Protein backbone atom coordinates (compact mmCIF):
# COMPACT_ATOMS: atom_id res chain seq x y z
CA GLN A 1 0.00 0.00 0.00
CA ARG A 2 2.72 2.48 0.97
CA ILE A 3 4.59 1.89 -2.29
CA PHE A 4 1.48 2.56 -4.39
CA LEU A 5 0.76 5.78 -2.45
CA GLY A 6 4.31 7.06 -2.88
CA LYS A 7 5.01 6.97 0.86
CA THR A 8 8.02 4.71 0.44
CA ARG A 9 10.31 3.88 -2.44
CA ALA A 10 11.82 0.71 -0.99
CA PHE A 11 10.74 -2.88 -0.50
CA PRO A 12 10.58 -4.04 3.15
CA GLY A 13 13.71 -6.17 2.66
CA GLY A 14 15.59 -3.35 0.95
CA GLY A 15 15.96 -2.42 -2.67
CA GLU A 16 14.25 0.24 -4.73
CA ALA A 17 10.52 -0.22 -5.36
CA VAL A 18 8.74 1.39 -8.29
CA ALA A 19 4.97 0.98 -8.59
CA ILE A 20 3.13 0.63 -11.87
CA SER A 21 -0.64 0.65 -12.19
CA ALA A 22 -3.38 -0.44 -14.51
CA LYS A 23 -4.87 2.28 -16.68
CA GLU A 24 -7.04 4.81 -14.85
CA GLY A 25 -10.71 3.87 -15.13
CA SER A 26 -10.03 0.18 -15.74
CA PRO A 27 -11.87 -2.39 -13.61
CA GLU A 28 -8.54 -3.67 -12.25
CA GLU A 29 -7.45 -0.21 -11.16
CA ALA A 30 -10.79 0.52 -9.48
CA GLU A 31 -10.83 -2.79 -7.59
CA PHE A 32 -7.21 -2.44 -6.45
CA THR A 33 -7.78 1.16 -5.36
CA GLU A 34 -10.84 0.27 -3.30
CA LYS A 35 -9.69 -3.04 -1.80
CA VAL A 36 -5.98 -2.43 -1.25
CA LEU A 37 -5.62 1.34 -0.97
CA SER A 38 -8.99 1.85 0.78
CA LYS A 39 -9.84 4.79 -1.46
CA SER A 40 -12.33 5.42 -4.22
CA PRO A 41 -10.84 6.14 -7.65
CA LYS A 42 -11.93 9.78 -7.19
CA GLN A 43 -10.16 9.99 -3.82
CA LEU A 44 -7.00 8.50 -5.31
CA LYS A 45 -7.03 11.00 -8.16
CA ALA A 46 -7.38 13.87 -5.64
CA TYR A 47 -4.60 12.37 -3.49
CA TRP A 48 -2.19 12.29 -6.42
CA ALA A 49 -3.17 15.79 -7.56
CA LYS A 50 -2.21 17.06 -4.10
CA MET A 51 1.05 15.07 -4.04
CA VAL A 52 2.08 16.38 -7.46
CA PHE A 53 1.06 19.97 -6.63
CA THR A 54 3.07 19.98 -3.40
CA GLY A 55 6.06 18.30 -5.05
CA LYS A 56 5.85 15.27 -2.75
CA GLY A 57 5.44 12.60 -5.38
CA THR A 58 4.28 11.42 -8.75
CA PRO A 59 1.64 8.78 -9.45
CA PRO A 60 2.64 5.32 -10.64
CA ARG A 61 3.17 4.84 -14.36
CA GLN A 62 0.03 3.41 -15.97
CA VAL A 63 0.00 0.50 -18.40
CA ASP A 64 -2.69 -0.56 -20.85
CA SER A 65 -2.88 -4.28 -20.14
CA ALA A 66 -1.98 -7.09 -17.77
CA ALA A 67 0.33 -8.49 -20.46
CA GLU A 68 2.26 -5.21 -20.59
CA MET A 69 2.49 -5.12 -16.79
CA ILE A 70 3.83 -8.69 -16.67
CA GLN A 71 6.36 -7.91 -19.40
CA LEU A 72 7.66 -4.81 -17.58
CA ILE A 73 7.82 -6.48 -14.16
CA SER A 74 9.56 -9.59 -15.48
CA ALA A 75 12.22 -7.36 -17.07
CA ASN A 76 12.80 -5.17 -13.99
CA PRO A 77 12.85 -6.62 -10.44
CA ASN A 78 12.35 -3.12 -8.95
CA LEU A 79 8.82 -2.86 -10.37
CA ILE A 80 5.67 -3.89 -8.52
CA GLY A 81 2.18 -3.94 -9.96
CA PHE A 82 -1.10 -5.82 -9.99
CA ILE A 83 -3.01 -7.98 -12.46
CA PRO A 84 -6.44 -9.61 -12.38
CA ALA A 85 -6.69 -12.98 -10.61
CA GLY A 86 -6.47 -15.84 -13.06
CA THR A 87 -4.16 -13.94 -15.39
CA GLY A 88 -1.05 -15.96 -16.15
CA GLY A 89 1.83 -14.71 -14.03
CA GLY A 90 4.42 -15.10 -16.77
CA GLY A 91 7.24 -15.83 -14.34
CA VAL A 92 6.59 -12.91 -11.98
CA LYS A 93 6.33 -13.44 -8.23
CA VAL A 94 2.89 -13.12 -6.61
CA VAL A 95 3.21 -11.24 -3.31
CA GLY A 96 -0.48 -10.97 -2.49
CA LYS A 97 -4.00 -11.64 -3.72
CA PHE A 98 -7.05 -9.46 -3.21
């Protein structure tokens, strides 16, 4: 949660952590935002607007598909993202299910 809200840039065990997100308005993004971040999509958008305006952070890069997210994460161990349940993991490590 803290990584996706820009409150930390490191994994608990050390190492840089960079969040990537599903495209704004997608069902995956809405479900993740509500279940994991405990915010509505509208609240998350306002949160990031404030963070950007105050210079305290930038929102995660958005990708168009689960396949693109898997491709990026498998190529860079510093990335963390989310995909719909049942989507093939493509060799990436699952750290949680929601």
